[in-house]
PDB file of N, CA and C in Angstrom:
ATOM      1  N   MET A   1       1.113  -1.000  -0.101  1.00  0.00           N
ATOM      2  CA  MET A   1      -0.257  -0.023  -0.371  1.00  0.00           C
ATOM      3  C   MET A   1       0.970   1.233   0.009  1.00  0.00           C
ATOM      4  N   ALA A   2       0.750   2.271  -0.489  1.00  0.00           N
ATOM      5  CA  ALA A   2       1.264   3.553  -1.156  1.00  0.00           C
ATOM      6  C   ALA A   2       0.786   4.455  -0.217  1.00  0.00           C
ATOM      7  N   THR A   3       1.553   5.416   0.353  1.00  0.00           N
ATOM      8  CA  THR A   3       0.975   6.649   1.315  1.00  0.00           C
ATOM      9  C   THR A   3      -0.025   7.185   0.291  1.00  0.00           C
ATOM     10  N   SER A   4      -0.959   7.665   1.003  1.00  0.00           N
ATOM     11  CA  SER A   4      -1.725   8.819  -0.349  1.00  0.00           C
ATOM     12  C   SER A   4      -1.414   9.972  -0.356  1.00  0.00           C
ATOM     13  N   LYS A   5      -1.537  11.005  -1.173  1.00  0.00           N
ATOM     14  CA  LYS A   5      -1.569  12.202  -1.078  1.00  0.00           C
ATOM     15  C   LYS A   5      -2.149  13.441   0.041  1.00  0.00           C
ATOM     16  N   GLU A   6      -3.332  12.594   0.833  1.00  0.00           N
ATOM     17  CA  GLU A   6      -4.258  13.122   1.603  1.00  0.00           C
ATOM     18  C   GLU A   6      -3.005  13.077   2.793  1.00  0.00           C
ATOM     19  N   TYR A   7      -2.294  12.152   3.319  1.00  0.00           N
ATOM     20  CA  TYR A   7      -1.824  11.745   4.311  1.00  0.00           C
ATOM     21  C   TYR A   7      -0.442  12.723   4.222  1.00  0.00           C
ATOM     22  N   ARG A   8       0.141  12.588   3.250  1.00  0.00           N
ATOM     23  CA  ARG A   8       1.623  13.498   2.962  1.00  0.00           C
ATOM     24  C   ARG A   8       0.890  15.064   3.105  1.00  0.00           C
ATOM     25  N   ASP A   9       0.084  15.746   2.662  1.00  0.00           N
ATOM     26  CA  ASP A   9      -0.123  16.407   2.455  1.00  0.00           C
ATOM     27  C   ASP A   9      -0.559  17.252   4.495  1.00  0.00           C
ATOM     28  N   PHE A  10      -1.105  16.391   5.177  1.00  0.00           N
ATOM     29  CA  PHE A  10      -1.716  16.172   6.105  1.00  0.00           C
ATOM     30  C   PHE A  10      -0.348  16.426   7.295  1.00  0.00           C
ATOM     31  N   VAL A  11       0.821  15.435   6.742  1.00  0.00           N
ATOM     32  CA  VAL A  11       2.020  15.483   7.903  1.00  0.00           C
ATOM     33  C   VAL A  11       2.742  16.938   7.486  1.00  0.00           C
ATOM     34  N   LEU A  12       2.749  17.573   6.309  1.00  0.00           N
ATOM     35  CA  LEU A  12       2.945  18.371   5.843  1.00  0.00           C
ATOM     36  C   LEU A  12       2.656  19.752   6.883  1.00  0.00           C
ATOM     37  N   GLU A  13       1.303  19.534   6.769  1.00  0.00           N
ATOM     38  CA  GLU A  13       0.286  20.769   7.122  1.00  0.00           C
ATOM     39  C   GLU A  13       1.276  20.822   9.079  1.00  0.00           C
ATOM     40  N   GLN A  14       1.203  19.421   9.482  1.00  0.00           N
ATOM     41  CA  GLN A  14       1.684  19.439  10.786  1.00  0.00           C
ATOM     42  C   GLN A  14       3.356  20.325  10.903  1.00  0.00           C
ATOM     43  N   LEU A  15       4.134  20.109   9.883  1.00  0.00           N
ATOM     44  CA  LEU A  15       5.103  20.433   9.593  1.00  0.00           C
ATOM     45  C   LEU A  15       5.475  21.752   9.609  1.00  0.00           C
ATOM     46  N   THR A  16       4.228  22.967   9.668  1.00  0.00           N
ATOM     47  CA  THR A  16       4.666  23.807   8.996  1.00  0.00           C
ATOM     48  C   THR A  16       5.195  24.790  10.071  1.00  0.00           C
ATOM     49  N   GLY A  17       5.193  24.278  11.142  1.00  0.00           N
ATOM     50  CA  GLY A  17       6.561  25.276  12.163  1.00  0.00           C
ATOM     51  C   GLY A  17       7.834  25.122  11.902  1.00  0.00           C
ATOM     52  N   LEU A  18       8.354  23.919  10.794  1.00  0.00           N
ATOM     53  CA  LEU A  18       9.980  23.661  10.290  1.00  0.00           C
ATOM     54  C   LEU A  18       9.974  24.410   9.115  1.00  0.00           C
ATOM     55  N   ASP A  19      10.592  25.440   9.121  1.00  0.00           N
ATOM     56  CA  ASP A  19      10.620  26.296   7.943  1.00  0.00           C
ATOM     57  C   ASP A  19      11.387  25.213   6.563  1.00  0.00           C
ATOM     58  N   LYS A  20      12.431  24.787   6.908  1.00  0.00           N
ATOM     59  CA  LYS A  20      13.018  23.798   6.023  1.00  0.00           C
ATOM     60  C   LYS A  20      12.784  22.768   5.938  1.00  0.00           C
ATOM     61  N   ILE A  21      11.464  22.123   5.658  1.00  0.00           N
ATOM     62  CA  ILE A  21      10.871  20.741   5.313  1.00  0.00           C
ATOM     63  C   ILE A  21      10.798  20.462   3.929  1.00  0.00           C
ATOM     64  N   THR A  22      11.087  19.543   3.564  1.00  0.00           N
ATOM     65  CA  THR A  22      11.149  19.448   2.083  1.00  0.00           C
ATOM     66  C   THR A  22      10.772  17.887   2.072  1.00  0.00           C
ATOM     67  N   CYS A  23      10.293  17.284   0.802  1.00  0.00           N
ATOM     68  CA  CYS A  23       9.412  15.888   0.841  1.00  0.00           C
ATOM     69  C   CYS A  23       9.781  15.785  -0.600  1.00  0.00           C
ATOM     70  N   ARG A  24      10.192  14.224  -0.828  1.00  0.00           N
ATOM     71  CA  ARG A  24      10.253  14.008  -2.029  1.00  0.00           C
ATOM     72  C   ARG A  24       9.498  12.120  -2.757  1.00  0.00           C
ATOM     73  N   SER A  25       8.831  12.142  -3.363  1.00  0.00           N
ATOM     74  CA  SER A  25       8.389  11.317  -3.560  1.00  0.00           C
ATOM     75  C   SER A  25       9.426   9.871  -3.956  1.00  0.00           C
ATOM     76  N   MET A  26       9.561   8.604  -3.730  1.00  0.00           N
ATOM     77  CA  MET A  26      10.066   7.507  -3.676  1.00  0.00           C
ATOM     78  C   MET A  26       9.452   6.257  -3.366  1.00  0.00           C
ATOM     79  N   MET A  27       9.139   5.309  -4.520  1.00  0.00           N
ATOM     80  CA  MET A  27       8.780   4.173  -4.412  1.00  0.00           C
ATOM     81  C   MET A  27       6.990   3.926  -3.846  1.00  0.00           C
ATOM     82  N   GLY A  28       6.645   4.908  -4.151  1.00  0.00           N
ATOM     83  CA  GLY A  28       5.124   5.110  -3.447  1.00  0.00           C
ATOM     84  C   GLY A  28       5.026   5.403  -2.329  1.00  0.00           C
ATOM     85  N   GLY A  29       6.409   5.773  -1.176  1.00  0.00           N
ATOM     86  CA  GLY A  29       6.235   6.483   0.053  1.00  0.00           C
ATOM     87  C   GLY A  29       6.999   8.040  -0.388  1.00  0.00           C
ATOM     88  N   TYR A  30       7.115   8.764   0.907  1.00  0.00           N
ATOM     89  CA  TYR A  30       7.863   9.966   0.667  1.00  0.00           C
ATOM     90  C   TYR A  30       9.154  10.291   1.798  1.00  0.00           C
ATOM     91  N   LEU A  31      10.197  10.800   0.739  1.00  0.00           N
ATOM     92  CA  LEU A  31      11.326  11.122   1.758  1.00  0.00           C
ATOM     93  C   LEU A  31      11.256  12.398   2.253  1.00  0.00           C
ATOM     94  N   LEU A  32      11.759  12.400   3.767  1.00  0.00           N
ATOM     95  CA  LEU A  32      10.844  14.078   4.376  1.00  0.00           C
ATOM     96  C   LEU A  32      12.973  14.543   4.526  1.00  0.00           C
ATOM     97  N   TYR A  33      13.101  15.588   4.318  1.00  0.00           N
ATOM     98  CA  TYR A  33      13.917  15.909   4.740  1.00  0.00           C
ATOM     99  C   TYR A  33      13.940  17.860   5.929  1.00  0.00           C
ATOM    100  N   TYR A  34      14.842  17.892   6.559  1.00  0.00           N
ATOM    101  CA  TYR A  34      14.971  18.955   7.323  1.00  0.00           C
ATOM    102  C   TYR A  34      15.964  19.658   6.955  1.00  0.00           C
ATOM    103  N   ASP A  35      16.104  20.844   6.148  1.00  0.00           N
ATOM    104  CA  ASP A  35      17.505  21.335   6.279  1.00  0.00           C
ATOM    105  C   ASP A  35      18.267  20.736   5.458  1.00  0.00           C
ATOM    106  N   ASN A  36      17.902  19.465   4.389  1.00  0.00           N
ATOM    107  CA  ASN A  36      18.980  18.750   3.868  1.00  0.00           C
ATOM    108  C   ASN A  36      19.637  17.473   4.580  1.00  0.00           C
ATOM    109  N   ILE A  37      18.674  17.478   5.706  1.00  0.00           N
ATOM    110  CA  ILE A  37      19.256  16.134   6.625  1.00  0.00           C
ATOM    111  C   ILE A  37      18.075  15.330   6.122  1.00  0.00           C
ATOM    112  N   LEU A  38      17.975  13.806   5.259  1.00  0.00           N
ATOM    113  CA  LEU A  38      17.063  12.954   5.566  1.00  0.00           C
ATOM    114  C   LEU A  38      16.874  12.308   6.890  1.00  0.00           C
ATOM    115  N   PHE A  39      15.543  12.559   7.397  1.00  0.00           N
ATOM    116  CA  PHE A  39      15.257  11.908   9.040  1.00  0.00           C
ATOM    117  C   PHE A  39      14.237  11.298   8.796  1.00  0.00           C
ATOM    118  N   GLY A  40      13.409  10.764   7.706  1.00  0.00           N
ATOM    119  CA  GLY A  40      12.351   9.651   7.801  1.00  0.00           C
ATOM    120  C   GLY A  40      11.964   9.832   6.428  1.00  0.00           C
ATOM    121  N   GLY A  41      10.852   9.417   6.658  1.00  0.00           N
ATOM    122  CA  GLY A  41       9.445   9.080   5.537  1.00  0.00           C
ATOM    123  C   GLY A  41       8.173   8.859   5.677  1.00  0.00           C
ATOM    124  N   LEU A  42       7.202   8.888   5.036  1.00  0.00           N
ATOM    125  CA  LEU A  42       6.163   8.248   4.775  1.00  0.00           C
ATOM    126  C   LEU A  42       5.564   7.339   4.196  1.00  0.00           C
ATOM    127  N   TYR A  43       5.889   6.415   4.814  1.00  0.00           N
ATOM    128  CA  TYR A  43       5.568   4.629   4.248  1.00  0.00           C
ATOM    129  C   TYR A  43       4.100   4.340   4.620  1.00  0.00           C
ATOM    130  N   ASP A  44       2.939   3.569   3.658  1.00  0.00           N
ATOM    131  CA  ASP A  44       1.921   3.381   4.085  1.00  0.00           C
ATOM    132  C   ASP A  44       1.092   4.161   4.840  1.00  0.00           C
ATOM    133  N   ASP A  45       0.953   5.535   4.835  1.00  0.00           N
ATOM    134  CA  ASP A  45       0.802   6.278   5.615  1.00  0.00           C
ATOM    135  C   ASP A  45       1.014   6.209   7.326  1.00  0.00           C
ATOM    136  N   ARG A  46       2.224   6.053   7.218  1.00  0.00           N
ATOM    137  CA  ARG A  46       2.633   5.873   8.959  1.00  0.00           C
ATOM    138  C   ARG A  46       4.301   6.855   8.642  1.00  0.00           C
ATOM    139  N   LEU A  47       4.193   8.529   9.362  1.00  0.00           N
ATOM    140  CA  LEU A  47       5.365   8.800   9.740  1.00  0.00           C
ATOM    141  C   LEU A  47       6.439   7.982  10.467  1.00  0.00           C
ATOM    142  N   LEU A  48       7.556   8.021   9.657  1.00  0.00           N
ATOM    143  CA  LEU A  48       8.605   7.044  10.563  1.00  0.00           C
ATOM    144  C   LEU A  48       9.800   7.905  10.726  1.00  0.00           C
ATOM    145  N   VAL A  49      10.712   8.087  11.245  1.00  0.00           N
ATOM    146  CA  VAL A  49      11.327   8.757  11.763  1.00  0.00           C
ATOM    147  C   VAL A  49      12.674   7.698  12.069  1.00  0.00           C
ATOM    148  N   LYS A  50      14.314   8.481  11.421  1.00  0.00           N
ATOM    149  CA  LYS A  50      15.256   7.259  12.255  1.00  0.00           C
ATOM    150  C   LYS A  50      15.854   7.186  13.108  1.00  0.00           C
ATOM    151  N   LYS A  51      16.246   5.502  13.546  1.00  0.00           N
ATOM    152  CA  LYS A  51      16.470   5.746  15.239  1.00  0.00           C
ATOM    153  C   LYS A  51      18.064   6.261  15.245  1.00  0.00           C
ATOM    154  N   VAL A  52      18.226   7.329  15.950  1.00  0.00           N
ATOM    155  CA  VAL A  52      19.692   7.887  16.577  1.00  0.00           C
ATOM    156  C   VAL A  52      19.214   8.339  17.989  1.00  0.00           C
ATOM    157  N   SER A  53      20.760   8.409  18.888  1.00  0.00           N
ATOM    158  CA  SER A  53      20.800   8.270  20.349  1.00  0.00           C
ATOM    159  C   SER A  53      19.617   9.754  20.448  1.00  0.00           C
ATOM    160  N   HIS A  54      19.495  10.441  19.839  1.00  0.00           N
ATOM    161  CA  HIS A  54      18.601  12.039  20.669  1.00  0.00           C
ATOM    162  C   HIS A  54      16.905  11.630  20.092  1.00  0.00           C
ATOM    163  N   ASN A  55      16.738  10.843  19.976  1.00  0.00           N
ATOM    164  CA  ASN A  55      15.310  10.745  19.972  1.00  0.00           C
ATOM    165  C   ASN A  55      14.964   9.227  20.763  1.00  0.00           C
ATOM    166  N   GLU A  56      15.864   9.012  21.436  1.00  0.00           N
ATOM    167  CA  GLU A  56      15.428   7.257  21.721  1.00  0.00           C
ATOM    168  C   GLU A  56      14.971   8.034  23.326  1.00  0.00           C
ATOM    169  N   LYS A  57      14.625   8.744  23.614  1.00  0.00           N
ATOM    170  CA  LYS A  57      13.773   9.531  24.930  1.00  0.00           C
ATOM    171  C   LYS A  57      12.988   9.746  24.872  1.00  0.00           C
ATOM    172  N   TYR A  58      12.020   9.803  23.469  1.00  0.00           N
ATOM    173  CA  TYR A  58      10.779   9.643  23.459  1.00  0.00           C
ATOM    174  C   TYR A  58       9.957   8.744  23.556  1.00  0.00           C
ATOM    175  N   LYS A  59      10.496   7.028  23.487  1.00  0.00           N
ATOM    176  CA  LYS A  59      10.233   5.871  23.611  1.00  0.00           C
ATOM    177  C   LYS A  59       9.292   5.958  22.799  1.00  0.00           C
ATOM    178  N   LEU A  60       9.566   6.065  21.617  1.00  0.00           N
ATOM    179  CA  LEU A  60       8.452   5.830  19.789  1.00  0.00           C
ATOM    180  C   LEU A  60       8.755   4.260  19.695  1.00  0.00           C
ATOM    181  N   GLY A  61       7.500   3.572  19.706  1.00  0.00           N
ATOM    182  CA  GLY A  61       7.674   2.315  19.113  1.00  0.00           C
ATOM    183  C   GLY A  61       8.479   2.418  17.676  1.00  0.00           C
ATOM    184  N   GLU A  62       9.130   0.880  17.403  1.00  0.00           N
ATOM    185  CA  GLU A  62       9.838   0.900  16.391  1.00  0.00           C
ATOM    186  C   GLU A  62       9.218  -0.337  15.504  1.00  0.00           C
ATOM    187  N   GLU A  63       9.035   0.335  13.906  1.00  0.00           N
ATOM    188  CA  GLU A  63       8.488  -0.061  12.519  1.00  0.00           C
ATOM    189  C   GLU A  63       9.169  -0.284  11.829  1.00  0.00           C
ATOM    190  N   LEU A  64       8.964  -1.638  10.724  1.00  0.00           N
ATOM    191  CA  LEU A  64      10.135  -1.186   9.456  1.00  0.00           C
ATOM    192  C   LEU A  64       8.862  -0.805   8.455  1.00  0.00           C
ATOM    193  N   PRO A  65       9.978   0.530   7.776  1.00  0.00           N
ATOM    194  CA  PRO A  65       9.115   0.710   6.464  1.00  0.00           C
ATOM    195  C   PRO A  65       8.597   0.094   5.496  1.00  0.00           C
ATOM    196  N   TYR A  66       9.404  -0.626   5.381  1.00  0.00           N
ATOM    197  CA  TYR A  66       9.323  -1.487   4.003  1.00  0.00           C
ATOM    198  C   TYR A  66      10.261  -3.302   4.144  1.00  0.00           C
ATOM    199  N   LYS A  67       9.988  -4.328   3.692  1.00  0.00           N
ATOM    200  CA  LYS A  67      10.832  -5.424   3.937  1.00  0.00           C
ATOM    201  C   LYS A  67      12.215  -5.281   3.689  1.00  0.00           C
ATOM    202  N   GLY A  68      13.330  -5.719   4.437  1.00  0.00           N
ATOM    203  CA  GLY A  68      14.676  -5.542   4.203  1.00  0.00           C
ATOM    204  C   GLY A  68      14.964  -4.111   4.700  1.00  0.00           C
ATOM    205  N   ALA A  69      14.602  -3.414   5.099  1.00  0.00           N
ATOM    206  CA  ALA A  69      14.718  -1.990   5.802  1.00  0.00           C
ATOM    207  C   ALA A  69      15.289  -2.230   7.084  1.00  0.00           C
ATOM    208  N   LYS A  70      16.103  -1.155   7.835  1.00  0.00           N
ATOM    209  CA  LYS A  70      16.355  -1.014   9.429  1.00  0.00           C
ATOM    210  C   LYS A  70      14.674  -0.302   9.926  1.00  0.00           C
ATOM    211  N   MET A  71      14.755  -0.959  11.090  1.00  0.00           N
ATOM    212  CA  MET A  71      13.489  -0.242  12.621  1.00  0.00           C
ATOM    213  C   MET A  71      13.646   1.016  12.193  1.00  0.00           C
ATOM    214  N   MET A  72      12.664   1.951  12.451  1.00  0.00           N
ATOM    215  CA  MET A  72      12.643   2.889  12.281  1.00  0.00           C
ATOM    216  C   MET A  72      11.561   3.548  13.801  1.00  0.00           C
ATOM    217  N   TYR A  73      11.500   4.731  14.154  1.00  0.00           N
ATOM    218  CA  TYR A  73      10.917   4.712  15.223  1.00  0.00           C
ATOM    219  C   TYR A  73       9.177   5.257  14.303  1.00  0.00           C
ATOM    220  N   LEU A  74       7.947   5.352  15.041  1.00  0.00           N
ATOM    221  CA  LEU A  74       7.285   5.606  14.600  1.00  0.00           C
ATOM    222  C   LEU A  74       6.873   6.440  15.244  1.00  0.00           C
ATOM    223  N   ILE A  75       5.877   7.542  13.948  1.00  0.00           N
ATOM    224  CA  ILE A  75       5.254   9.046  15.411  1.00  0.00           C
ATOM    225  C   ILE A  75       3.571   8.715  14.816  1.00  0.00           C
ATOM    226  N   ASP A  76       2.816   8.632  16.321  1.00  0.00           N
ATOM    227  CA  ASP A  76       1.441   8.261  16.162  1.00  0.00           C
ATOM    228  C   ASP A  76       1.468   9.832  16.591  1.00  0.00           C
ATOM    229  N   ASP A  77       1.251  10.320  17.236  1.00  0.00           N
ATOM    230  CA  ASP A  77       1.100  11.635  17.730  1.00  0.00           C
ATOM    231  C   ASP A  77       1.580  12.564  17.170  1.00  0.00           C
ATOM    232  N   ILE A  78       0.939  12.678  15.415  1.00  0.00           N
ATOM    233  CA  ILE A  78       1.003  13.841  14.612  1.00  0.00           C
ATOM    234  C   ILE A  78       0.796  14.931  15.175  1.00  0.00           C
ATOM    235  N   GLU A  79      -0.441  15.104  15.617  1.00  0.00           N
ATOM    236  CA  GLU A  79      -1.078  16.157  15.710  1.00  0.00           C
ATOM    237  C   GLU A  79      -0.605  17.346  17.262  1.00  0.00           C
ATOM    238  N   ASN A  80       0.562  16.612  17.279  1.00  0.00           N
ATOM    239  CA  ASN A  80       1.266  17.220  18.699  1.00  0.00           C
ATOM    240  C   ASN A  80       2.222  18.130  17.999  1.00  0.00           C
ATOM    241  N   LYS A  81       1.976  19.201  17.229  1.00  0.00           N
ATOM    242  CA  LYS A  81       3.008  20.006  16.182  1.00  0.00           C
ATOM    243  C   LYS A  81       4.289  20.254  17.091  1.00  0.00           C
ATOM    244  N   GLU A  82       4.390  20.768  18.313  1.00  0.00           N
ATOM    245  CA  GLU A  82       5.323  21.118  19.276  1.00  0.00           C
ATOM    246  C   GLU A  82       6.373  20.014  19.484  1.00  0.00           C
ATOM    247  N   ARG A  83       6.059  18.888  19.325  1.00  0.00           N
ATOM    248  CA  ARG A  83       6.151  17.518  19.890  1.00  0.00           C
ATOM    249  C   ARG A  83       7.226  17.290  18.724  1.00  0.00           C
ATOM    250  N   LEU A  84       5.974  17.073  17.570  1.00  0.00           N
ATOM    251  CA  LEU A  84       6.418  16.517  16.343  1.00  0.00           C
ATOM    252  C   LEU A  84       7.929  17.290  15.871  1.00  0.00           C
ATOM    253  N   ALA A  85       7.765  18.864  16.259  1.00  0.00           N
ATOM    254  CA  ALA A  85       8.814  19.626  15.550  1.00  0.00           C
ATOM    255  C   ALA A  85      10.045  19.264  16.457  1.00  0.00           C
ATOM    256  N   GLN A  86      10.090  18.814  17.422  1.00  0.00           N
ATOM    257  CA  GLN A  86      11.254  18.751  18.975  1.00  0.00           C
ATOM    258  C   GLN A  86      11.872  17.077  18.172  1.00  0.00           C
ATOM    259  N   ILE A  87      11.149  16.172  17.989  1.00  0.00           N
ATOM    260  CA  ILE A  87      11.245  15.137  17.608  1.00  0.00           C
ATOM    261  C   ILE A  87      12.041  15.066  16.296  1.00  0.00           C
ATOM    262  N   ILE A  88      12.063  15.613  15.373  1.00  0.00           N
ATOM    263  CA  ILE A  88      12.630  15.860  13.876  1.00  0.00           C
ATOM    264  C   ILE A  88      13.745  16.375  14.558  1.00  0.00           C
ATOM    265  N   LEU A  89      13.566  17.958  14.728  1.00  0.00           N
ATOM    266  CA  LEU A  89      15.027  18.797  15.112  1.00  0.00           C
ATOM    267  C   LEU A  89      16.332  17.512  16.031  1.00  0.00           C
ATOM    268  N   ASP A  90      15.584  16.750  17.164  1.00  0.00           N
ATOM    269  CA  ASP A  90      16.352  15.938  18.062  1.00  0.00           C
ATOM    270  C   ASP A  90      17.178  15.138  17.415  1.00  0.00           C
ATOM    271  N   THR A  91      16.206  14.390  16.252  1.00  0.00           N
ATOM    272  CA  THR A  91      16.476  13.194  15.203  1.00  0.00           C
ATOM    273  C   THR A  91      17.584  13.954  14.223  1.00  0.00           C
ATOM    274  N   CYS A  92      17.530  14.731  13.741  1.00  0.00           N
ATOM    275  CA  CYS A  92      18.357  15.600  12.748  1.00  0.00           C
ATOM    276  C   CYS A  92      19.739  15.976  13.454  1.00  0.00           C
ATOM    277  N   VAL A  93      19.637  16.184  14.822  1.00  0.00           N
ATOM    278  CA  VAL A  93      21.306  16.373  15.655  1.00  0.00           C
ATOM    279  C   VAL A  93      21.943  15.116  15.249  1.00  0.00           C
ATOM    280  N   ASP A  94      22.439  13.890  14.980  1.00  0.00           N
ATOM    281  CA  ASP A  94      22.673  12.725  14.851  1.00  0.00           C
ATOM    282  C   ASP A  94      23.145  12.106  13.089  1.00  0.00           C
ATOM    283  N   LEU A  95      22.655  13.180  12.419  1.00  0.00           N
ATOM    284  CA  LEU A  95      22.448  12.955  11.062  1.00  0.00           C
ATOM    285  C   LEU A  95      22.945  14.309   9.936  1.00  0.00           C
ATOM    286  N   PRO A  96      24.018  13.280   8.896  1.00  0.00           N
ATOM    287  CA  PRO A  96      24.525  14.374   8.255  1.00  0.00           C
ATOM    288  C   PRO A  96      23.808  14.995   7.166  1.00  0.00           C
ATOM    289  N   ARG A  97      24.494  15.639   6.962  1.00  0.00           N
ATOM    290  CA  ARG A  97      23.532  16.941   5.934  1.00  0.00           C
ATOM    291  C   ARG A  97      23.543  16.477   4.448  1.00  0.00           C
ATOM    292  N   LYS A  98      22.632  16.436   3.853  1.00  0.00           N
ATOM    293  CA  LYS A  98      23.022  16.052   2.231  1.00  0.00           C
ATOM    294  C   LYS A  98      23.675  17.130   1.325  1.00  0.00           C
ATOM    295  N   LYS A  99      24.834  16.309   0.458  1.00  0.00           N
ATOM    296  CA  LYS A  99      25.445  17.171   0.130  1.00  0.00           C
ATOM    297  C   LYS A  99      25.023  17.767  -1.260  1.00  0.00           C
TER     298      LYS A  99
END
């Protein structure tokens, strides 16, 4: 099952507090970037972020984005914009910027 455009639009609306968010379509899902840092994506209408040491404190559930991938953290409380933004900022601390 692919991620719907409606779900993508909903998530991007929840991320309007972060100015440097970009979204790229990829194989039925979407990759999400903050300030050119790939932090997660939308997979089967789920928002998943990479597992890093700075976002462990949120005690998020783990899920596979697709078969053969590494486990990622599921953000299921998308409506809490402040918490969502903080999770993303904390996730990006440990990740490299795209060249």
